[in-house]
PDB file of N, CA and C in Angstrom:
ATOM      1  N   GLY A   1      59.155  80.661  47.818  1.00  0.00           N
ATOM      2  CA  GLY A   1      59.161  81.136  49.187  1.00  0.00           C
ATOM      3  C   GLY A   1      58.979  80.012  50.176  1.00  0.00           C
ATOM      4  N   ASP A   2      58.892  80.359  51.439  1.00  0.00           N
ATOM      5  CA  ASP A   2      58.705  79.369  52.486  1.00  0.00           C
ATOM      6  C   ASP A   2      57.280  78.833  52.459  1.00  0.00           C
ATOM      7  N   SER A   3      57.122  77.547  52.762  1.00  0.00           N
ATOM      8  CA  SER A   3      55.787  76.958  52.753  1.00  0.00           C
ATOM      9  C   SER A   3      55.771  75.685  53.580  1.00  0.00           C
ATOM     10  N   VAL A   4      54.558  75.265  53.945  1.00  0.00           N
ATOM     11  CA  VAL A   4      54.365  73.987  54.611  1.00  0.00           C
ATOM     12  C   VAL A   4      53.315  73.197  53.847  1.00  0.00           C
ATOM     13  N   VAL A   5      53.447  71.882  53.887  1.00  0.00           N
ATOM     14  CA  VAL A   5      52.478  70.972  53.273  1.00  0.00           C
ATOM     15  C   VAL A   5      52.133  69.923  54.315  1.00  0.00           C
ATOM     16  N   GLN A   6      50.840  69.692  54.532  1.00  0.00           N
ATOM     17  CA  GLN A   6      50.452  68.704  55.535  1.00  0.00           C
ATOM     18  C   GLN A   6      49.356  67.803  54.986  1.00  0.00           C
ATOM     19  N   THR A   7      49.041  66.755  55.749  1.00  0.00           N
ATOM     20  CA  THR A   7      47.981  65.829  55.395  1.00  0.00           C
ATOM     21  C   THR A   7      46.706  66.592  55.067  1.00  0.00           C
ATOM     22  N   GLU A   8      46.087  66.237  53.949  1.00  0.00           N
ATOM     23  CA  GLU A   8      44.909  66.963  53.509  1.00  0.00           C
ATOM     24  C   GLU A   8      43.622  66.284  53.965  1.00  0.00           C
ATOM     25  N   GLY A   9      42.573  67.103  54.099  1.00  0.00           N
ATOM     26  CA  GLY A   9      41.249  66.567  54.337  1.00  0.00           C
ATOM     27  C   GLY A   9      41.034  66.067  55.753  1.00  0.00           C
ATOM     28  N   GLN A  10      39.922  65.345  55.922  1.00  0.00           N
ATOM     29  CA  GLN A  10      39.560  64.836  57.235  1.00  0.00           C
ATOM     30  C   GLN A  10      40.142  63.442  57.458  1.00  0.00           C
ATOM     31  N   VAL A  11      40.477  63.168  58.691  1.00  0.00           N
ATOM     32  CA  VAL A  11      40.853  61.822  59.116  1.00  0.00           C
ATOM     33  C   VAL A  11      39.822  61.373  60.142  1.00  0.00           C
ATOM     34  N   LEU A  12      39.200  60.241  59.884  1.00  0.00           N
ATOM     35  CA  LEU A  12      38.195  59.708  60.792  1.00  0.00           C
ATOM     36  C   LEU A  12      38.818  58.614  61.645  1.00  0.00           C
ATOM     37  N   LEU A  13      38.773  58.804  62.945  1.00  0.00           N
ATOM     38  CA  LEU A  13      39.382  57.860  63.879  1.00  0.00           C
ATOM     39  C   LEU A  13      38.390  57.499  64.972  1.00  0.00           C
ATOM     40  N   SER A  14      38.638  56.365  65.595  1.00  0.00           N
ATOM     41  CA  SER A  14      37.880  55.971  66.777  1.00  0.00           C
ATOM     42  C   SER A  14      38.683  56.319  68.015  1.00  0.00           C
ATOM     43  N   GLU A  15      37.985  56.490  69.136  1.00  0.00           N
ATOM     44  CA  GLU A  15      38.698  56.756  70.377  1.00  0.00           C
ATOM     45  C   GLU A  15      39.703  55.645  70.650  1.00  0.00           C
ATOM     46  N   GLY A  16      40.906  56.061  71.049  1.00  0.00           N
ATOM     47  CA  GLY A  16      41.958  55.100  71.331  1.00  0.00           C
ATOM     48  C   GLY A  16      42.884  54.844  70.163  1.00  0.00           C
ATOM     49  N   ASP A  17      42.480  55.291  68.959  1.00  0.00           N
ATOM     50  CA  ASP A  17      43.349  55.129  67.790  1.00  0.00           C
ATOM     51  C   ASP A  17      44.546  56.075  67.892  1.00  0.00           C
ATOM     52  N   SER A  18      45.607  55.724  67.189  1.00  0.00           N
ATOM     53  CA  SER A  18      46.767  56.614  67.123  1.00  0.00           C
ATOM     54  C   SER A  18      46.604  57.560  65.939  1.00  0.00           C
ATOM     55  N   LEU A  19      47.197  58.729  66.082  1.00  0.00           N
ATOM     56  CA  LEU A  19      47.080  59.779  65.076  1.00  0.00           C
ATOM     57  C   LEU A  19      48.459  60.212  64.606  1.00  0.00           C
ATOM     58  N   ILE A  20      48.597  60.375  63.296  1.00  0.00           N
ATOM     59  CA  ILE A  20      49.754  61.059  62.721  1.00  0.00           C
ATOM     60  C   ILE A  20      49.235  62.024  61.656  1.00  0.00           C
ATOM     61  N   VAL A  21      49.571  63.292  61.816  1.00  0.00           N
ATOM     62  CA  VAL A  21      49.285  64.289  60.778  1.00  0.00           C
ATOM     63  C   VAL A  21      50.633  64.776  60.258  1.00  0.00           C
ATOM     64  N   ASN A  22      50.897  64.482  59.006  1.00  0.00           N
ATOM     65  CA  ASN A  22      52.199  64.821  58.432  1.00  0.00           C
ATOM     66  C   ASN A  22      52.303  66.308  58.132  1.00  0.00           C
ATOM     67  N   CYS A  23      53.488  66.850  58.371  1.00  0.00           N
ATOM     68  CA  CYS A  23      53.772  68.231  58.014  1.00  0.00           C
ATOM     69  C   CYS A  23      55.212  68.311  57.531  1.00  0.00           C
ATOM     70  N   SER A  24      55.392  68.745  56.303  1.00  0.00           N
ATOM     71  CA  SER A  24      56.713  68.977  55.735  1.00  0.00           C
ATOM     72  C   SER A  24      56.812  70.444  55.338  1.00  0.00           C
ATOM     73  N   TYR A  25      58.023  70.960  55.309  1.00  0.00           N
ATOM     74  CA  TYR A  25      58.189  72.381  55.024  1.00  0.00           C
ATOM     75  C   TYR A  25      59.296  72.603  54.002  1.00  0.00           C
ATOM     76  N   GLU A  26      59.221  73.755  53.364  1.00  0.00           N
ATOM     77  CA  GLU A  26      60.286  74.222  52.486  1.00  0.00           C
ATOM     78  C   GLU A  26      60.708  75.597  52.972  1.00  0.00           C
ATOM     79  N   SER A  27      61.995  75.779  53.160  1.00  0.00           N
ATOM     80  CA  SER A  27      62.503  77.061  53.623  1.00  0.00           C
ATOM     81  C   SER A  27      63.971  77.178  53.266  1.00  0.00           C
ATOM     82  N   THR A  28      64.388  78.374  52.963  1.00  0.00           N
ATOM     83  CA  THR A  28      65.810  78.614  52.691  1.00  0.00           C
ATOM     84  C   THR A  28      66.587  78.830  53.978  1.00  0.00           C
ATOM     85  N   GLN A  29      65.864  78.990  55.094  1.00  0.00           N
ATOM     86  CA  GLN A  29      66.496  79.204  56.382  1.00  0.00           C
ATOM     87  C   GLN A  29      66.188  78.018  57.301  1.00  0.00           C
ATOM     88  N   TYR A  30      66.333  78.228  58.586  1.00  0.00           N
ATOM     89  CA  TYR A  30      65.965  77.233  59.587  1.00  0.00           C
ATOM     90  C   TYR A  30      64.808  77.818  60.392  1.00  0.00           C
ATOM     91  N   PRO A  31      63.578  77.581  59.942  1.00  0.00           N
ATOM     92  CA  PRO A  31      62.433  78.269  60.544  1.00  0.00           C
ATOM     93  C   PRO A  31      62.046  77.685  61.898  1.00  0.00           C
ATOM     94  N   SER A  32      61.287  78.468  62.633  1.00  0.00           N
ATOM     95  CA  SER A  32      60.565  77.935  63.780  1.00  0.00           C
ATOM     96  C   SER A  32      59.304  77.256  63.244  1.00  0.00           C
ATOM     97  N   LEU A  33      58.896  76.150  63.878  1.00  0.00           N
ATOM     98  CA  LEU A  33      57.752  75.374  63.407  1.00  0.00           C
ATOM     99  C   LEU A  33      56.696  75.302  64.500  1.00  0.00           C
ATOM    100  N   PHE A  34      55.430  75.287  64.087  1.00  0.00           N
ATOM    101  CA  PHE A  34      54.320  75.364  65.032  1.00  0.00           C
ATOM    102  C   PHE A  34      53.188  74.427  64.625  1.00  0.00           C
ATOM    103  N   TRP A  35      52.493  73.917  65.612  1.00  0.00           N
ATOM    104  CA  TRP A  35      51.180  73.305  65.410  1.00  0.00           C
ATOM    105  C   TRP A  35      50.163  74.111  66.202  1.00  0.00           C
ATOM    106  N   TYR A  36      49.080  74.490  65.538  1.00  0.00           N
ATOM    107  CA  TYR A  36      47.955  75.147  66.189  1.00  0.00           C
ATOM    108  C   TYR A  36      46.746  74.220  66.130  1.00  0.00           C
ATOM    109  N   VAL A  37      45.879  74.349  67.111  1.00  0.00           N
ATOM    110  CA  VAL A  37      44.635  73.584  67.132  1.00  0.00           C
ATOM    111  C   VAL A  37      43.477  74.562  67.253  1.00  0.00           C
ATOM    112  N   GLN A  38      42.410  74.295  66.494  1.00  0.00           N
ATOM    113  CA  GLN A  38      41.211  75.124  66.567  1.00  0.00           C
ATOM    114  C   GLN A  38      40.016  74.225  66.859  1.00  0.00           C
ATOM    115  N   TYR A  39      39.522  74.331  68.083  1.00  0.00           N
ATOM    116  CA  TYR A  39      38.360  73.550  68.485  1.00  0.00           C
ATOM    117  C   TYR A  39      37.089  74.227  67.973  1.00  0.00           C
ATOM    118  N   PRO A  40      36.014  73.459  67.806  1.00  0.00           N
ATOM    119  CA  PRO A  40      34.775  74.027  67.254  1.00  0.00           C
ATOM    120  C   PRO A  40      34.309  75.252  68.043  1.00  0.00           C
ATOM    121  N   GLY A  41      34.021  76.329  67.318  1.00  0.00           N
ATOM    122  CA  GLY A  41      33.510  77.536  67.929  1.00  0.00           C
ATOM    123  C   GLY A  41      34.559  78.398  68.613  1.00  0.00           C
ATOM    124  N   GLU A  42      35.837  78.036  68.477  1.00  0.00           N
ATOM    125  CA  GLU A  42      36.918  78.781  69.116  1.00  0.00           C
ATOM    126  C   GLU A  42      37.938  79.241  68.083  1.00  0.00           C
ATOM    127  N   GLY A  43      38.825  80.125  68.511  1.00  0.00           N
ATOM    128  CA  GLY A  43      39.916  80.554  67.661  1.00  0.00           C
ATOM    129  C   GLY A  43      41.090  79.604  67.761  1.00  0.00           C
ATOM    130  N   PRO A  44      42.055  79.720  66.860  1.00  0.00           N
ATOM    131  CA  PRO A  44      43.242  78.852  66.920  1.00  0.00           C
ATOM    132  C   PRO A  44      44.033  79.074  68.206  1.00  0.00           C
ATOM    133  N   GLN A  45      44.576  77.973  68.733  1.00  0.00           N
ATOM    134  CA  GLN A  45      45.424  78.016  69.924  1.00  0.00           C
ATOM    135  C   GLN A  45      46.744  77.330  69.602  1.00  0.00           C
ATOM    136  N   LEU A  46      47.820  77.855  70.129  1.00  0.00           N
ATOM    137  CA  LEU A  46      49.118  77.224  69.945  1.00  0.00           C
ATOM    138  C   LEU A  46      49.157  75.891  70.683  1.00  0.00           C
ATOM    139  N   LEU A  47      49.519  74.839  69.971  1.00  0.00           N
ATOM    140  CA  LEU A  47      49.623  73.513  70.574  1.00  0.00           C
ATOM    141  C   LEU A  47      51.077  73.137  70.837  1.00  0.00           C
ATOM    142  N   LEU A  48      51.923  73.276  69.817  1.00  0.00           N
ATOM    143  CA  LEU A  48      53.336  72.922  69.934  1.00  0.00           C
ATOM    144  C   LEU A  48      54.173  73.924  69.151  1.00  0.00           C
ATOM    145  N   LYS A  49      55.382  74.176  69.621  1.00  0.00           N
ATOM    146  CA  LYS A  49      56.319  74.976  68.838  1.00  0.00           C
ATOM    147  C   LYS A  49      57.722  74.418  69.027  1.00  0.00           C
ATOM    148  N   ALA A  50      58.507  74.483  67.967  1.00  0.00           N
ATOM    149  CA  ALA A  50      59.899  74.041  68.001  1.00  0.00           C
ATOM    150  C   ALA A  50      60.749  75.118  67.356  1.00  0.00           C
ATOM    151  N   MET A  51      61.746  75.553  68.071  1.00  0.00           N
ATOM    152  CA  MET A  51      62.545  76.679  67.614  1.00  0.00           C
ATOM    153  C   MET A  51      63.802  76.255  66.861  1.00  0.00           C
ATOM    154  N   LYS A  52      64.233  75.013  67.063  1.00  0.00           N
ATOM    155  CA  LYS A  52      65.465  74.582  66.395  1.00  0.00           C
ATOM    156  C   LYS A  52      65.421  73.090  66.107  1.00  0.00           C
ATOM    157  N   ALA A  53      66.322  72.664  65.225  1.00  0.00           N
ATOM    158  CA  ALA A  53      66.366  71.274  64.784  1.00  0.00           C
ATOM    159  C   ALA A  53      66.513  70.325  65.966  1.00  0.00           C
ATOM    160  N   ASN A  54      65.833  69.193  65.862  1.00  0.00           N
ATOM    161  CA  ASN A  54      65.849  68.096  66.839  1.00  0.00           C
ATOM    162  C   ASN A  54      65.064  68.395  68.107  1.00  0.00           C
ATOM    163  N   ASP A  55      64.444  69.571  68.186  1.00  0.00           N
ATOM    164  CA  ASP A  55      63.545  69.831  69.315  1.00  0.00           C
ATOM    165  C   ASP A  55      62.392  68.836  69.278  1.00  0.00           C
ATOM    166  N   LYS A  56      62.109  68.205  70.415  1.00  0.00           N
ATOM    167  CA  LYS A  56      60.950  67.327  70.549  1.00  0.00           C
ATOM    168  C   LYS A  56      60.009  67.962  71.555  1.00  0.00           C
ATOM    169  N   GLU A  57      58.822  68.304  71.092  1.00  0.00           N
ATOM    170  CA  GLU A  57      57.869  69.022  71.921  1.00  0.00           C
ATOM    171  C   GLU A  57      56.645  68.157  72.192  1.00  0.00           C
ATOM    172  N   SER A  58      56.036  68.350  73.353  1.00  0.00           N
ATOM    173  CA  SER A  58      54.827  67.595  73.682  1.00  0.00           C
ATOM    174  C   SER A  58      53.874  68.467  74.483  1.00  0.00           C
ATOM    175  N   ASN A  59      52.572  68.203  74.310  1.00  0.00           N
ATOM    176  CA  ASN A  59      51.531  68.956  75.012  1.00  0.00           C
ATOM    177  C   ASN A  59      50.216  68.205  74.844  1.00  0.00           C
ATOM    178  N   LYS A  60      49.510  67.998  75.925  1.00  0.00           N
ATOM    179  CA  LYS A  60      48.185  67.366  75.900  1.00  0.00           C
ATOM    180  C   LYS A  60      48.200  66.002  75.230  1.00  0.00           C
ATOM    181  N   GLY A  61      49.316  65.292  75.350  1.00  0.00           N
ATOM    182  CA  GLY A  61      49.430  63.974  74.741  1.00  0.00           C
ATOM    183  C   GLY A  61      49.895  63.989  73.301  1.00  0.00           C
ATOM    184  N   PHE A  62      49.966  65.179  72.698  1.00  0.00           N
ATOM    185  CA  PHE A  62      50.489  65.318  71.343  1.00  0.00           C
ATOM    186  C   PHE A  62      51.991  65.533  71.406  1.00  0.00           C
ATOM    187  N   GLU A  63      52.679  65.089  70.358  1.00  0.00           N
ATOM    188  CA  GLU A  63      54.109  65.362  70.272  1.00  0.00           C
ATOM    189  C   GLU A  63      54.518  65.553  68.822  1.00  0.00           C
ATOM    190  N   ALA A  64      55.606  66.276  68.646  1.00  0.00           N
ATOM    191  CA  ALA A  64      56.175  66.493  67.314  1.00  0.00           C
ATOM    192  C   ALA A  64      57.657  66.779  67.471  1.00  0.00           C
ATOM    193  N   THR A  65      58.437  66.280  66.521  1.00  0.00           N
ATOM    194  CA  THR A  65      59.886  66.479  66.536  1.00  0.00           C
ATOM    195  C   THR A  65      60.303  67.200  65.266  1.00  0.00           C
ATOM    196  N   TYR A  66      61.132  68.204  65.433  1.00  0.00           N
ATOM    197  CA  TYR A  66      61.649  69.022  64.334  1.00  0.00           C
ATOM    198  C   TYR A  66      62.804  68.258  63.692  1.00  0.00           C
ATOM    199  N   HIS A  67      62.527  67.644  62.531  1.00  0.00           N
ATOM    200  CA  HIS A  67      63.554  66.889  61.803  1.00  0.00           C
ATOM    201  C   HIS A  67      64.067  67.736  60.640  1.00  0.00           C
ATOM    202  N   LYS A  68      65.227  68.319  60.822  1.00  0.00           N
ATOM    203  CA  LYS A  68      65.794  69.174  59.775  1.00  0.00           C
ATOM    204  C   LYS A  68      66.167  68.364  58.531  1.00  0.00           C
ATOM    205  N   GLU A  69      66.671  67.140  58.751  1.00  0.00           N
ATOM    206  CA  GLU A  69      67.146  66.324  57.624  1.00  0.00           C
ATOM    207  C   GLU A  69      66.005  65.974  56.676  1.00  0.00           C
ATOM    208  N   THR A  70      64.828  65.693  57.224  1.00  0.00           N
ATOM    209  CA  THR A  70      63.680  65.324  56.397  1.00  0.00           C
ATOM    210  C   THR A  70      62.703  66.493  56.257  1.00  0.00           C
ATOM    211  N   THR A  71      63.077  67.661  56.758  1.00  0.00           N
ATOM    212  CA  THR A  71      62.260  68.880  56.742  1.00  0.00           C
ATOM    213  C   THR A  71      60.810  68.563  57.134  1.00  0.00           C
ATOM    214  N   SER A  72      60.655  67.916  58.292  1.00  0.00           N
ATOM    215  CA  SER A  72      59.327  67.504  58.733  1.00  0.00           C
ATOM    216  C   SER A  72      59.090  67.858  60.195  1.00  0.00           C
ATOM    217  N   PHE A  73      57.797  67.969  60.538  1.00  0.00           N
ATOM    218  CA  PHE A  73      57.367  68.264  61.908  1.00  0.00           C
ATOM    219  C   PHE A  73      56.005  67.587  62.093  1.00  0.00           C
ATOM    220  N   HIS A  74      56.009  66.256  62.051  1.00  0.00           N
ATOM    221  CA  HIS A  74      54.767  65.488  62.076  1.00  0.00           C
ATOM    222  C   HIS A  74      54.145  65.486  63.470  1.00  0.00           C
ATOM    223  N   LEU A  75      52.842  65.663  63.510  1.00  0.00           N
ATOM    224  CA  LEU A  75      52.090  65.665  64.765  1.00  0.00           C
ATOM    225  C   LEU A  75      51.611  64.247  65.068  1.00  0.00           C
ATOM    226  N   LYS A  76      51.845  63.785  66.296  1.00  0.00           N
ATOM    227  CA  LYS A  76      51.488  62.420  66.673  1.00  0.00           C
ATOM    228  C   LYS A  76      50.778  62.408  68.022  1.00  0.00           C
ATOM    229  N   LYS A  77      49.859  61.465  68.169  1.00  0.00           N
ATOM    230  CA  LYS A  77      49.249  61.185  69.471  1.00  0.00           C
ATOM    231  C   LYS A  77      48.934  59.706  69.528  1.00  0.00           C
ATOM    232  N   ASP A  78      49.288  59.065  70.619  1.00  0.00           N
ATOM    233  CA  ASP A  78      49.146  57.614  70.725  1.00  0.00           C
ATOM    234  C   ASP A  78      47.691  57.179  70.825  1.00  0.00           C
ATOM    235  N   SER A  79      46.874  57.961  71.498  1.00  0.00           N
ATOM    236  CA  SER A  79      45.497  57.557  71.750  1.00  0.00           C
ATOM    237  C   SER A  79      44.594  58.785  71.728  1.00  0.00           C
ATOM    238  N   VAL A  80      43.813  58.933  70.660  1.00  0.00           N
ATOM    239  CA  VAL A  80      42.970  60.120  70.541  1.00  0.00           C
ATOM    240  C   VAL A  80      41.668  59.943  71.314  1.00  0.00           C
ATOM    241  N   GLN A  81      41.116  61.086  71.710  1.00  0.00           N
ATOM    242  CA  GLN A  81      39.828  61.128  72.398  1.00  0.00           C
ATOM    243  C   GLN A  81      38.849  61.939  71.558  1.00  0.00           C
ATOM    244  N   GLU A  82      37.577  61.801  71.855  1.00  0.00           N
ATOM    245  CA  GLU A  82      36.572  62.576  71.129  1.00  0.00           C
ATOM    246  C   GLU A  82      36.836  64.070  71.263  1.00  0.00           C
ATOM    247  N   SER A  83      37.376  64.472  72.400  1.00  0.00           N
ATOM    248  CA  SER A  83      37.660  65.886  72.648  1.00  0.00           C
ATOM    249  C   SER A  83      38.788  66.428  71.776  1.00  0.00           C
ATOM    250  N   ASP A  84      39.492  65.542  71.048  1.00  0.00           N
ATOM    251  CA  ASP A  84      40.549  65.981  70.143  1.00  0.00           C
ATOM    252  C   ASP A  84      40.010  66.393  68.774  1.00  0.00           C
ATOM    253  N   SER A  85      38.702  66.263  68.565  1.00  0.00           N
ATOM    254  CA  SER A  85      38.106  66.656  67.290  1.00  0.00           C
ATOM    255  C   SER A  85      38.294  68.155  67.079  1.00  0.00           C
ATOM    256  N   ALA A  86      38.996  68.515  66.032  1.00  0.00           N
ATOM    257  CA  ALA A  86      39.386  69.906  65.821  1.00  0.00           C
ATOM    258  C   ALA A  86      40.056  70.036  64.466  1.00  0.00           C
ATOM    259  N   VAL A  87      40.390  71.273  64.110  1.00  0.00           N
ATOM    260  CA  VAL A  87      41.217  71.547  62.935  1.00  0.00           C
ATOM    261  C   VAL A  87      42.639  71.800  63.424  1.00  0.00           C
ATOM    262  N   TYR A  88      43.609  71.155  62.786  1.00  0.00           N
ATOM    263  CA  TYR A  88      45.010  71.270  63.173  1.00  0.00           C
ATOM    264  C   TYR A  88      45.786  71.975  62.063  1.00  0.00           C
ATOM    265  N   PHE A  89      46.522  73.007  62.447  1.00  0.00           N
ATOM    266  CA  PHE A  89      47.282  73.811  61.500  1.00  0.00           C
ATOM    267  C   PHE A  89      48.776  73.624  61.744  1.00  0.00           C
ATOM    268  N   CYS A  90      49.500  73.347  60.690  1.00  0.00           N
ATOM    269  CA  CYS A  90      50.957  73.374  60.726  1.00  0.00           C
ATOM    270  C   CYS A  90      51.410  74.717  60.162  1.00  0.00           C
ATOM    271  N   ALA A  91      52.373  75.342  60.815  1.00  0.00           N
ATOM    272  CA  ALA A  91      52.820  76.664  60.370  1.00  0.00           C
ATOM    273  C   ALA A  91      54.313  76.808  60.602  1.00  0.00           C
ATOM    274  N   LEU A  92      54.909  77.730  59.867  1.00  0.00           N
ATOM    275  CA  LEU A  92      56.326  78.029  60.080  1.00  0.00           C
ATOM    276  C   LEU A  92      56.508  79.529  60.124  1.00  0.00           C
ATOM    277  N   SER A  93      57.594  79.928  60.731  1.00  0.00           N
ATOM    278  CA  SER A  93      57.963  81.334  60.782  1.00  0.00           C
ATOM    279  C   SER A  93      59.455  81.439  60.581  1.00  0.00           C
ATOM    280  N   ASP A  94      59.854  82.216  59.615  1.00  0.00           N
ATOM    281  CA  ASP A  94      61.265  82.447  59.347  1.00  0.00           C
ATOM    282  C   ASP A  94      61.668  83.734  60.038  1.00  0.00           C
ATOM    283  N   THR A  95      62.454  83.625  61.082  1.00  0.00           N
ATOM    284  CA  THR A  95      62.788  84.795  61.882  1.00  0.00           C
ATOM    285  C   THR A  95      63.727  85.748  61.144  1.00  0.00           C
ATOM    286  N   VAL A  96      64.351  85.269  60.064  1.00  0.00           N
ATOM    287  CA  VAL A  96      65.250  86.136  59.299  1.00  0.00           C
ATOM    288  C   VAL A  96      64.455  87.020  58.350  1.00  0.00           C
ATOM    289  N   THR A  97      63.547  86.418  57.583  1.00  0.00           N
ATOM    290  CA  THR A  97      62.818  87.185  56.580  1.00  0.00           C
ATOM    291  C   THR A  97      61.448  87.636  57.057  1.00  0.00           C
ATOM    292  N   GLY A  98      60.947  87.013  58.112  1.00  0.00           N
ATOM    293  CA  GLY A  98      59.639  87.371  58.617  1.00  0.00           C
ATOM    294  C   GLY A  98      58.485  86.778  57.831  1.00  0.00           C
ATOM    295  N   THR A  99      58.758  85.888  56.901  1.00  0.00           N
ATOM    296  CA  THR A  99      57.689  85.264  56.129  1.00  0.00           C
ATOM    297  C   THR A  99      57.063  84.131  56.936  1.00  0.00           C
ATOM    298  N   ALA A 100      55.861  83.759  56.551  1.00  0.00           N
ATOM    299  CA  ALA A 100      55.172  82.685  57.247  1.00  0.00           C
ATOM    300  C   ALA A 100      54.302  81.919  56.269  1.00  0.00           C
ATOM    301  N   GLY A 101      54.050  80.654  56.585  1.00  0.00           N
ATOM    302  CA  GLY A 101      53.170  79.841  55.769  1.00  0.00           C
ATOM    303  C   GLY A 101      52.403  78.901  56.680  1.00  0.00           C
ATOM    304  N   GLU A 102      51.248  78.423  56.204  1.00  0.00           N
ATOM    305  CA  GLU A 102      50.497  77.488  57.024  1.00  0.00           C
ATOM    306  C   GLU A 102      49.630  76.618  56.130  1.00  0.00           C
ATOM    307  N   ALA A 103      49.229  75.503  56.682  1.00  0.00           N
ATOM    308  CA  ALA A 103      48.256  74.636  56.049  1.00  0.00           C
ATOM    309  C   ALA A 103      47.353  74.127  57.164  1.00  0.00           C
ATOM    310  N   GLU A 104      46.204  73.543  56.793  1.00  0.00           N
ATOM    311  CA  GLU A 104      45.310  73.102  57.847  1.00  0.00           C
ATOM    312  C   GLU A 104      44.876  71.664  57.611  1.00  0.00           C
ATOM    313  N   HIS A 105      44.451  71.045  58.694  1.00  0.00           N
ATOM    314  CA  HIS A 105      43.970  69.671  58.629  1.00  0.00           C
ATOM    315  C   HIS A 105      42.869  69.493  59.634  1.00  0.00           C
ATOM    316  N   LYS A 106      41.764  68.915  59.216  1.00  0.00           N
ATOM    317  CA  LYS A 106      40.625  68.729  60.109  1.00  0.00           C
ATOM    318  C   LYS A 106      40.571  67.290  60.577  1.00  0.00           C
ATOM    319  N   LEU A 107      40.488  67.107  61.873  1.00  0.00           N
ATOM    320  CA  LEU A 107      40.397  65.773  62.472  1.00  0.00           C
ATOM    321  C   LEU A 107      38.956  65.563  62.910  1.00  0.00           C
TER     322      LEU A 107
END
């Protein structure tokens, strides 16, 4: 079935460091791709979404590009802040079958 795989475990960074959280997916279709962020004590919030191949999305200094050829949607930020400490979820949604998958990563 459809699934996503992303960087596992915690990444420890200093303020000003660059961040990359890898996310790759498997799907028989062309899914929509999402990044969610969950700050301490809060519920998950949508950070980025890409509906089709080659979409490049950005929000709050984060960016991700939907690469169909490499089946990836890596999350990047040039300079992290302490306020970026959170759990980051990569997810997909297949609009044809309605299936979904997700993985999580704690920063």
